[in-house]
Amino acid sequence: MPEIRFLKILVTALTVTMIAGLVTIVALLVIRLPDGAPLPELPAAIRLPDGAKAEAVTFARKALIVLTDRGDVLVYAPDGQLLRQIRLE
């Protein structure tokens, strides 16, 4: 029976070690992960061409990029001014 007692001690030690490791990993993730990426500055309003609907919106460092249902790529400045319109073929 001493083997079973020794096995119980080993299983208990392994359980305590695994719980301590899991708590340590969760604590490190909570401490070191940032609160999230800063949100981009958005213009108050943008104006799409007549009849166009936005299908996708992407934020670049200094631009807002909109893909329309007509296949146009619209590039807007941070103040909402249309900088460029590109037609995808």
PDB file of N, CA and C in Angstrom:
ATOM      1  N   MET A   1       0.776  -1.207   0.000  1.00  0.00           N
ATOM      2  CA  MET A   1       0.000   0.000   0.000  1.00  0.00           C
ATOM      3  C   MET A   1       0.825   1.285   0.000  1.00  0.00           C
ATOM      4  N   PRO A   2       2.096   1.227   0.307  1.00  0.00           N
ATOM      5  CA  PRO A   2       2.871   2.465   0.264  1.00  0.00           C
ATOM      6  C   PRO A   2       2.970   3.032  -1.156  1.00  0.00           C
ATOM      7  N   GLU A   3       2.874   2.144  -2.183  1.00  0.00           N
ATOM      8  CA  GLU A   3       2.942   2.640  -3.562  1.00  0.00           C
ATOM      9  C   GLU A   3       1.730   3.508  -3.890  1.00  0.00           C
ATOM     10  N   ILE A   4       0.556   3.092  -3.402  1.00  0.00           N
ATOM     11  CA  ILE A   4      -0.666   3.853  -3.673  1.00  0.00           C
ATOM     12  C   ILE A   4      -0.614   5.196  -2.946  1.00  0.00           C
ATOM     13  N   ARG A   5      -0.111   5.211  -1.733  1.00  0.00           N
ATOM     14  CA  ARG A   5       0.025   6.465  -0.985  1.00  0.00           C
ATOM     15  C   ARG A   5       0.975   7.410  -1.719  1.00  0.00           C
ATOM     16  N   PHE A   6       2.087   6.888  -2.218  1.00  0.00           N
ATOM     17  CA  PHE A   6       3.051   7.696  -2.972  1.00  0.00           C
ATOM     18  C   PHE A   6       2.414   8.227  -4.262  1.00  0.00           C
ATOM     19  N   LEU A   7       1.602   7.377  -4.927  1.00  0.00           N
ATOM     20  CA  LEU A   7       0.915   7.790  -6.149  1.00  0.00           C
ATOM     21  C   LEU A   7      -0.090   8.902  -5.858  1.00  0.00           C
ATOM     22  N   LYS A   8      -0.799   8.820  -4.758  1.00  0.00           N
ATOM     23  CA  LYS A   8      -1.742   9.873  -4.372  1.00  0.00           C
ATOM     24  C   LYS A   8      -1.016  11.198  -4.148  1.00  0.00           C
ATOM     25  N   ILE A   9       0.140  11.129  -3.509  1.00  0.00           N
ATOM     26  CA  ILE A   9       0.933  12.348  -3.268  1.00  0.00           C
ATOM     27  C   ILE A   9       1.379  12.951  -4.600  1.00  0.00           C
ATOM     28  N   LEU A  10       1.817  12.104  -5.530  1.00  0.00           N
ATOM     29  CA  LEU A  10       2.256  12.604  -6.847  1.00  0.00           C
ATOM     30  C   LEU A  10       1.103  13.240  -7.615  1.00  0.00           C
ATOM     31  N   VAL A  11      -0.063  12.610  -7.599  1.00  0.00           N
ATOM     32  CA  VAL A  11      -1.235  13.157  -8.306  1.00  0.00           C
ATOM     33  C   VAL A  11      -1.646  14.488  -7.687  1.00  0.00           C
ATOM     34  N   THR A  12      -1.641  14.571  -6.377  1.00  0.00           N
ATOM     35  CA  THR A  12      -1.989  15.822  -5.702  1.00  0.00           C
ATOM     36  C   THR A  12      -0.979  16.922  -6.044  1.00  0.00           C
ATOM     37  N   ALA A  13       0.308  16.585  -6.044  1.00  0.00           N
ATOM     38  CA  ALA A  13       1.338  17.573  -6.378  1.00  0.00           C
ATOM     39  C   ALA A  13       1.185  18.039  -7.822  1.00  0.00           C
ATOM     40  N   LEU A  14       0.882  17.127  -8.730  1.00  0.00           N
ATOM     41  CA  LEU A  14       0.681  17.499 -10.132  1.00  0.00           C
ATOM     42  C   LEU A  14      -0.536  18.404 -10.282  1.00  0.00           C
ATOM     43  N   THR A  15      -1.610  18.109  -9.572  1.00  0.00           N
ATOM     44  CA  THR A  15      -2.818  18.933  -9.633  1.00  0.00           C
ATOM     45  C   THR A  15      -2.543  20.346  -9.124  1.00  0.00           C
ATOM     46  N   VAL A  16      -1.858  20.458  -8.012  1.00  0.00           N
ATOM     47  CA  VAL A  16      -1.528  21.775  -7.453  1.00  0.00           C
ATOM     48  C   VAL A  16      -0.631  22.546  -8.413  1.00  0.00           C
ATOM     49  N   THR A  17       0.343  21.863  -9.012  1.00  0.00           N
ATOM     50  CA  THR A  17       1.246  22.511  -9.959  1.00  0.00           C
ATOM     51  C   THR A  17       0.492  23.000 -11.193  1.00  0.00           C
ATOM     52  N   MET A  18      -0.419  22.192 -11.719  1.00  0.00           N
ATOM     53  CA  MET A  18      -1.183  22.594 -12.904  1.00  0.00           C
ATOM     54  C   MET A  18      -2.094  23.777 -12.598  1.00  0.00           C
ATOM     55  N   ILE A  19      -2.740  23.779 -11.439  1.00  0.00           N
ATOM     56  CA  ILE A  19      -3.613  24.895 -11.067  1.00  0.00           C
ATOM     57  C   ILE A  19      -2.792  26.170 -10.894  1.00  0.00           C
ATOM     58  N   ALA A  20      -1.645  26.078 -10.256  1.00  0.00           N
ATOM     59  CA  ALA A  20      -0.780  27.251 -10.081  1.00  0.00           C
ATOM     60  C   ALA A  20      -0.293  27.774 -11.432  1.00  0.00           C
ATOM     61  N   GLY A  21       0.058  26.878 -12.336  1.00  0.00           N
ATOM     62  CA  GLY A  21       0.496  27.293 -13.667  1.00  0.00           C
ATOM     63  C   GLY A  21      -0.606  27.978 -14.439  1.00  0.00           C
ATOM     64  N   LEU A  22      -1.814  27.441 -14.375  1.00  0.00           N
ATOM     65  CA  LEU A  22      -2.951  28.044 -15.075  1.00  0.00           C
ATOM     66  C   LEU A  22      -3.269  29.425 -14.518  1.00  0.00           C
ATOM     67  N   VAL A  23      -3.252  29.562 -13.203  1.00  0.00           N
ATOM     68  CA  VAL A  23      -3.497  30.867 -12.581  1.00  0.00           C
ATOM     69  C   VAL A  23      -2.415  31.862 -12.990  1.00  0.00           C
ATOM     70  N   THR A  24      -1.167  31.412 -13.058  1.00  0.00           N
ATOM     71  CA  THR A  24      -0.068  32.286 -13.472  1.00  0.00           C
ATOM     72  C   THR A  24      -0.237  32.743 -14.908  1.00  0.00           C
ATOM     73  N   ILE A  25      -0.596  31.841 -15.806  1.00  0.00           N
ATOM     74  CA  ILE A  25      -0.789  32.202 -17.224  1.00  0.00           C
ATOM     75  C   ILE A  25      -1.929  33.199 -17.382  1.00  0.00           C
ATOM     76  N   VAL A  26      -3.036  32.953 -16.724  1.00  0.00           N
ATOM     77  CA  VAL A  26      -4.173  33.888 -16.818  1.00  0.00           C
ATOM     78  C   VAL A  26      -3.789  35.249 -16.248  1.00  0.00           C
ATOM     79  N   ALA A  27      -3.096  35.273 -15.135  1.00  0.00           N
ATOM     80  CA  ALA A  27      -2.678  36.551 -14.541  1.00  0.00           C
ATOM     81  C   ALA A  27      -1.740  37.310 -15.468  1.00  0.00           C
ATOM     82  N   LEU A  28      -0.793  36.617 -16.083  1.00  0.00           N
ATOM     83  CA  LEU A  28       0.129  37.284 -17.015  1.00  0.00           C
ATOM     84  C   LEU A  28      -0.605  37.832 -18.231  1.00  0.00           C
ATOM     85  N   LEU A  29      -1.574  37.087 -18.754  1.00  0.00           N
ATOM     86  CA  LEU A  29      -2.344  37.583 -19.897  1.00  0.00           C
ATOM     87  C   LEU A  29      -3.132  38.832 -19.526  1.00  0.00           C
ATOM     88  N   VAL A  30      -3.743  38.835 -18.370  1.00  0.00           N
ATOM     89  CA  VAL A  30      -4.524  39.994 -17.945  1.00  0.00           C
ATOM     90  C   VAL A  30      -3.620  41.201 -17.724  1.00  0.00           C
ATOM     91  N   ILE A  31      -2.455  40.988 -17.149  1.00  0.00           N
ATOM     92  CA  ILE A  31      -1.549  42.095 -16.848  1.00  0.00           C
ATOM     93  C   ILE A  31      -0.885  42.650 -18.099  1.00  0.00           C
ATOM     94  N   ARG A  32      -0.453  41.785 -19.007  1.00  0.00           N
ATOM     95  CA  ARG A  32       0.378  42.233 -20.123  1.00  0.00           C
ATOM     96  C   ARG A  32      -0.369  42.590 -21.393  1.00  0.00           C
ATOM     97  N   LEU A  33      -1.566  42.077 -21.598  1.00  0.00           N
ATOM     98  CA  LEU A  33      -2.289  42.425 -22.819  1.00  0.00           C
ATOM     99  C   LEU A  33      -2.791  43.857 -22.731  1.00  0.00           C
ATOM    100  N   PRO A  34      -2.675  44.599 -23.825  1.00  0.00           N
ATOM    101  CA  PRO A  34      -3.157  45.985 -23.789  1.00  0.00           C
ATOM    102  C   PRO A  34      -4.682  46.021 -23.728  1.00  0.00           C
ATOM    103  N   ASP A  35      -5.193  47.185 -23.403  1.00  0.00           N
ATOM    104  CA  ASP A  35      -6.646  47.358 -23.287  1.00  0.00           C
ATOM    105  C   ASP A  35      -7.351  47.308 -24.637  1.00  0.00           C
ATOM    106  N   GLY A  36      -6.618  47.283 -25.701  1.00  0.00           N
ATOM    107  CA  GLY A  36      -7.210  47.253 -27.029  1.00  0.00           C
ATOM    108  C   GLY A  36      -6.568  48.312 -27.900  1.00  0.00           C
ATOM    109  N   ALA A  37      -6.727  48.150 -29.168  1.00  0.00           N
ATOM    110  CA  ALA A  37      -6.170  49.110 -30.108  1.00  0.00           C
ATOM    111  C   ALA A  37      -6.949  50.418 -30.027  1.00  0.00           C
ATOM    112  N   PRO A  38      -6.256  51.535 -30.167  1.00  0.00           N
ATOM    113  CA  PRO A  38      -6.984  52.808 -30.159  1.00  0.00           C
ATOM    114  C   PRO A  38      -7.872  52.910 -31.397  1.00  0.00           C
ATOM    115  N   LEU A  39      -9.040  53.449 -31.206  1.00  0.00           N
ATOM    116  CA  LEU A  39      -9.969  53.591 -32.324  1.00  0.00           C
ATOM    117  C   LEU A  39      -9.509  54.719 -33.246  1.00  0.00           C
ATOM    118  N   PRO A  40      -9.689  54.545 -34.548  1.00  0.00           N
ATOM    119  CA  PRO A  40      -9.290  55.606 -35.478  1.00  0.00           C
ATOM    120  C   PRO A  40     -10.228  56.801 -35.363  1.00  0.00           C
ATOM    121  N   GLU A  41      -9.700  57.954 -35.725  1.00  0.00           N
ATOM    122  CA  GLU A  41     -10.534  59.151 -35.747  1.00  0.00           C
ATOM    123  C   GLU A  41     -11.389  59.108 -37.001  1.00  0.00           C
ATOM    124  N   LEU A  42     -12.682  59.204 -36.816  1.00  0.00           N
ATOM    125  CA  LEU A  42     -13.613  59.122 -37.937  1.00  0.00           C
ATOM    126  C   LEU A  42     -14.173  60.503 -38.254  1.00  0.00           C
ATOM    127  N   PRO A  43     -14.430  60.744 -39.536  1.00  0.00           N
ATOM    128  CA  PRO A  43     -15.071  62.013 -39.887  1.00  0.00           C
ATOM    129  C   PRO A  43     -16.513  62.022 -39.380  1.00  0.00           C
ATOM    130  N   ALA A  44     -17.045  63.207 -39.193  1.00  0.00           N
ATOM    131  CA  ALA A  44     -18.430  63.320 -38.721  1.00  0.00           C
ATOM    132  C   ALA A  44     -19.396  62.709 -39.732  1.00  0.00           C
ATOM    133  N   ALA A  45     -19.099  62.879 -41.023  1.00  0.00           N
ATOM    134  CA  ALA A  45     -19.949  62.318 -42.079  1.00  0.00           C
ATOM    135  C   ALA A  45     -19.127  62.186 -43.353  1.00  0.00           C
ATOM    136  N   ILE A  46     -19.482  61.195 -44.149  1.00  0.00           N
ATOM    137  CA  ILE A  46     -18.892  61.081 -45.481  1.00  0.00           C
ATOM    138  C   ILE A  46     -20.032  60.996 -46.485  1.00  0.00           C
ATOM    139  N   ARG A  47     -19.762  61.413 -47.684  1.00  0.00           N
ATOM    140  CA  ARG A  47     -20.796  61.424 -48.716  1.00  0.00           C
ATOM    141  C   ARG A  47     -20.405  60.441 -49.811  1.00  0.00           C
ATOM    142  N   LEU A  48     -21.240  59.429 -50.014  1.00  0.00           N
ATOM    143  CA  LEU A  48     -21.020  58.460 -51.082  1.00  0.00           C
ATOM    144  C   LEU A  48     -21.616  58.995 -52.375  1.00  0.00           C
ATOM    145  N   PRO A  49     -21.097  58.553 -53.525  1.00  0.00           N
ATOM    146  CA  PRO A  49     -21.711  58.950 -54.795  1.00  0.00           C
ATOM    147  C   PRO A  49     -23.172  58.494 -54.845  1.00  0.00           C
ATOM    148  N   ASP A  50     -23.972  59.179 -55.649  1.00  0.00           N
ATOM    149  CA  ASP A  50     -25.403  58.872 -55.737  1.00  0.00           C
ATOM    150  C   ASP A  50     -25.629  57.412 -56.110  1.00  0.00           C
ATOM    151  N   GLY A  51     -26.481  56.745 -55.356  1.00  0.00           N
ATOM    152  CA  GLY A  51     -26.851  55.363 -55.642  1.00  0.00           C
ATOM    153  C   GLY A  51     -25.859  54.322 -55.148  1.00  0.00           C
ATOM    154  N   ALA A  52     -24.734  54.727 -54.625  1.00  0.00           N
ATOM    155  CA  ALA A  52     -23.726  53.766 -54.159  1.00  0.00           C
ATOM    156  C   ALA A  52     -24.023  53.357 -52.720  1.00  0.00           C
ATOM    157  N   LYS A  53     -23.744  52.090 -52.428  1.00  0.00           N
ATOM    158  CA  LYS A  53     -23.887  51.578 -51.069  1.00  0.00           C
ATOM    159  C   LYS A  53     -22.540  51.013 -50.630  1.00  0.00           C
ATOM    160  N   ALA A  54     -22.178  51.269 -49.398  1.00  0.00           N
ATOM    161  CA  ALA A  54     -20.906  50.775 -48.876  1.00  0.00           C
ATOM    162  C   ALA A  54     -21.008  49.274 -48.603  1.00  0.00           C
ATOM    163  N   GLU A  55     -20.019  48.528 -49.092  1.00  0.00           N
ATOM    164  CA  GLU A  55     -19.955  47.090 -48.817  1.00  0.00           C
ATOM    165  C   GLU A  55     -18.886  46.767 -47.788  1.00  0.00           C
ATOM    166  N   ALA A  56     -17.812  47.557 -47.770  1.00  0.00           N
ATOM    167  CA  ALA A  56     -16.729  47.328 -46.810  1.00  0.00           C
ATOM    168  C   ALA A  56     -16.087  48.673 -46.477  1.00  0.00           C
ATOM    169  N   VAL A  57     -15.631  48.778 -45.234  1.00  0.00           N
ATOM    170  CA  VAL A  57     -14.961  49.997 -44.775  1.00  0.00           C
ATOM    171  C   VAL A  57     -13.675  49.574 -44.088  1.00  0.00           C
ATOM    172  N   THR A  58     -12.589  50.254 -44.438  1.00  0.00           N
ATOM    173  CA  THR A  58     -11.287  49.965 -43.847  1.00  0.00           C
ATOM    174  C   THR A  58     -10.671  51.274 -43.374  1.00  0.00           C
ATOM    175  N   PHE A  59      -9.926  51.191 -42.276  1.00  0.00           N
ATOM    176  CA  PHE A  59      -9.273  52.364 -41.732  1.00  0.00           C
ATOM    177  C   PHE A  59      -7.781  52.251 -41.962  1.00  0.00           C
ATOM    178  N   ALA A  60      -7.206  53.231 -42.638  1.00  0.00           N
ATOM    179  CA  ALA A  60      -5.761  53.327 -42.798  1.00  0.00           C
ATOM    180  C   ALA A  60      -5.275  54.388 -41.808  1.00  0.00           C
ATOM    181  N   ARG A  61      -3.962  54.595 -41.766  1.00  0.00           N
ATOM    182  CA  ARG A  61      -3.433  55.564 -40.814  1.00  0.00           C
ATOM    183  C   ARG A  61      -4.039  56.947 -40.996  1.00  0.00           C
ATOM    184  N   LYS A  62      -4.070  57.397 -42.232  1.00  0.00           N
ATOM    185  CA  LYS A  62      -4.565  58.754 -42.476  1.00  0.00           C
ATOM    186  C   LYS A  62      -5.659  58.776 -43.526  1.00  0.00           C
ATOM    187  N   ALA A  63      -6.439  57.692 -43.603  1.00  0.00           N
ATOM    188  CA  ALA A  63      -7.508  57.654 -44.600  1.00  0.00           C
ATOM    189  C   ALA A  63      -8.583  56.670 -44.170  1.00  0.00           C
ATOM    190  N   LEU A  64      -9.759  56.888 -44.705  1.00  0.00           N
ATOM    191  CA  LEU A  64     -10.882  55.976 -44.563  1.00  0.00           C
ATOM    192  C   LEU A  64     -11.162  55.445 -45.960  1.00  0.00           C
ATOM    193  N   ILE A  65     -11.194  54.133 -46.126  1.00  0.00           N
ATOM    194  CA  ILE A  65     -11.348  53.527 -47.451  1.00  0.00           C
ATOM    195  C   ILE A  65     -12.666  52.777 -47.489  1.00  0.00           C
ATOM    196  N   VAL A  66     -13.474  53.078 -48.501  1.00  0.00           N
ATOM    197  CA  VAL A  66     -14.795  52.472 -48.636  1.00  0.00           C
ATOM    198  C   VAL A  66     -14.865  51.753 -49.978  1.00  0.00           C
ATOM    199  N   LEU A  67     -15.333  50.501 -49.963  1.00  0.00           N
ATOM    200  CA  LEU A  67     -15.598  49.740 -51.184  1.00  0.00           C
ATOM    201  C   LEU A  67     -17.101  49.753 -51.396  1.00  0.00           C
ATOM    202  N   THR A  68     -17.530  50.192 -52.572  1.00  0.00           N
ATOM    203  CA  THR A  68     -18.964  50.283 -52.844  1.00  0.00           C
ATOM    204  C   THR A  68     -19.456  49.050 -53.596  1.00  0.00           C
ATOM    205  N   ASP A  69     -20.773  48.932 -53.671  1.00  0.00           N
ATOM    206  CA  ASP A  69     -21.373  47.798 -54.370  1.00  0.00           C
ATOM    207  C   ASP A  69     -21.168  47.884 -55.881  1.00  0.00           C
ATOM    208  N   ARG A  70     -20.768  49.032 -56.380  1.00  0.00           N
ATOM    209  CA  ARG A  70     -20.502  49.191 -57.816  1.00  0.00           C
ATOM    210  C   ARG A  70     -19.049  48.896 -58.182  1.00  0.00           C
ATOM    211  N   GLY A  71     -18.247  48.540 -57.192  1.00  0.00           N
ATOM    212  CA  GLY A  71     -16.847  48.217 -57.462  1.00  0.00           C
ATOM    213  C   GLY A  71     -15.923  49.420 -57.421  1.00  0.00           C
ATOM    214  N   ASP A  72     -16.344  50.481 -56.788  1.00  0.00           N
ATOM    215  CA  ASP A  72     -15.490  51.657 -56.636  1.00  0.00           C
ATOM    216  C   ASP A  72     -14.794  51.614 -55.284  1.00  0.00           C
ATOM    217  N   VAL A  73     -13.553  52.057 -55.274  1.00  0.00           N
ATOM    218  CA  VAL A  73     -12.818  52.228 -54.021  1.00  0.00           C
ATOM    219  C   VAL A  73     -12.723  53.737 -53.783  1.00  0.00           C
ATOM    220  N   LEU A  74     -13.280  54.171 -52.672  1.00  0.00           N
ATOM    221  CA  LEU A  74     -13.296  55.595 -52.342  1.00  0.00           C
ATOM    222  C   LEU A  74     -12.350  55.830 -51.172  1.00  0.00           C
ATOM    223  N   VAL A  75     -11.458  56.785 -51.333  1.00  0.00           N
ATOM    224  CA  VAL A  75     -10.491  57.107 -50.288  1.00  0.00           C
ATOM    225  C   VAL A  75     -10.839  58.489 -49.734  1.00  0.00           C
ATOM    226  N   TYR A  76     -11.105  58.518 -48.438  1.00  0.00           N
ATOM    227  CA  TYR A  76     -11.502  59.757 -47.775  1.00  0.00           C
ATOM    228  C   TYR A  76     -10.422  60.216 -46.804  1.00  0.00           C
ATOM    229  N   ALA A  77     -10.276  61.526 -46.675  1.00  0.00           N
ATOM    230  CA  ALA A  77      -9.379  62.128 -45.688  1.00  0.00           C
ATOM    231  C   ALA A  77     -10.047  62.035 -44.319  1.00  0.00           C
ATOM    232  N   PRO A  78      -9.286  62.223 -43.243  1.00  0.00           N
ATOM    233  CA  PRO A  78      -9.890  62.165 -41.899  1.00  0.00           C
ATOM    234  C   PRO A  78     -11.003  63.182 -41.673  1.00  0.00           C
ATOM    235  N   ASP A  79     -11.024  64.260 -42.457  1.00  0.00           N
ATOM    236  CA  ASP A  79     -12.096  65.248 -42.301  1.00  0.00           C
ATOM    237  C   ASP A  79     -13.333  64.914 -43.128  1.00  0.00           C
ATOM    238  N   GLY A  80     -13.325  63.811 -43.889  1.00  0.00           N
ATOM    239  CA  GLY A  80     -14.484  63.392 -44.665  1.00  0.00           C
ATOM    240  C   GLY A  80     -14.441  63.799 -46.130  1.00  0.00           C
ATOM    241  N   GLN A  81     -13.391  64.486 -46.546  1.00  0.00           N
ATOM    242  CA  GLN A  81     -13.278  64.925 -47.943  1.00  0.00           C
ATOM    243  C   GLN A  81     -12.830  63.753 -48.810  1.00  0.00           C
ATOM    244  N   LEU A  82     -13.478  63.571 -49.959  1.00  0.00           N
ATOM    245  CA  LEU A  82     -13.120  62.514 -50.898  1.00  0.00           C
ATOM    246  C   LEU A  82     -11.800  62.868 -51.567  1.00  0.00           C
ATOM    247  N   LEU A  83     -10.802  62.013 -51.386  1.00  0.00           N
ATOM    248  CA  LEU A  83      -9.477  62.257 -51.965  1.00  0.00           C
ATOM    249  C   LEU A  83      -9.332  61.599 -53.329  1.00  0.00           C
ATOM    250  N   ARG A  84      -9.872  60.379 -53.443  1.00  0.00           N
ATOM    251  CA  ARG A  84      -9.657  59.640 -54.683  1.00  0.00           C
ATOM    252  C   ARG A  84     -10.765  58.615 -54.867  1.00  0.00           C
ATOM    253  N   GLN A  85     -11.120  58.384 -56.128  1.00  0.00           N
ATOM    254  CA  GLN A  85     -12.096  57.365 -56.471  1.00  0.00           C
ATOM    255  C   GLN A  85     -11.452  56.460 -57.521  1.00  0.00           C
ATOM    256  N   ILE A  86     -11.406  55.170 -57.222  1.00  0.00           N
ATOM    257  CA  ILE A  86     -10.748  54.205 -58.123  1.00  0.00           C
ATOM    258  C   ILE A  86     -11.795  53.181 -58.535  1.00  0.00           C
ATOM    259  N   ARG A  87     -11.904  52.927 -59.810  1.00  0.00           N
ATOM    260  CA  ARG A  87     -12.858  51.944 -60.341  1.00  0.00           C
ATOM    261  C   ARG A  87     -12.142  50.600 -60.499  1.00  0.00           C
ATOM    262  N   LEU A  88     -12.667  49.571 -59.853  1.00  0.00           N
ATOM    263  CA  LEU A  88     -12.117  48.230 -60.016  1.00  0.00           C
ATOM    264  C   LEU A  88     -12.762  47.569 -61.222  1.00  0.00           C
ATOM    265  N   GLU A  89     -11.968  46.936 -62.028  1.00  0.00           N
ATOM    266  CA  GLU A  89     -12.473  46.279 -63.239  1.00  0.00           C
ATOM    267  C   GLU A  89     -12.780  44.843 -62.960  1.00  0.00           C
TER     268      GLU A  89
END
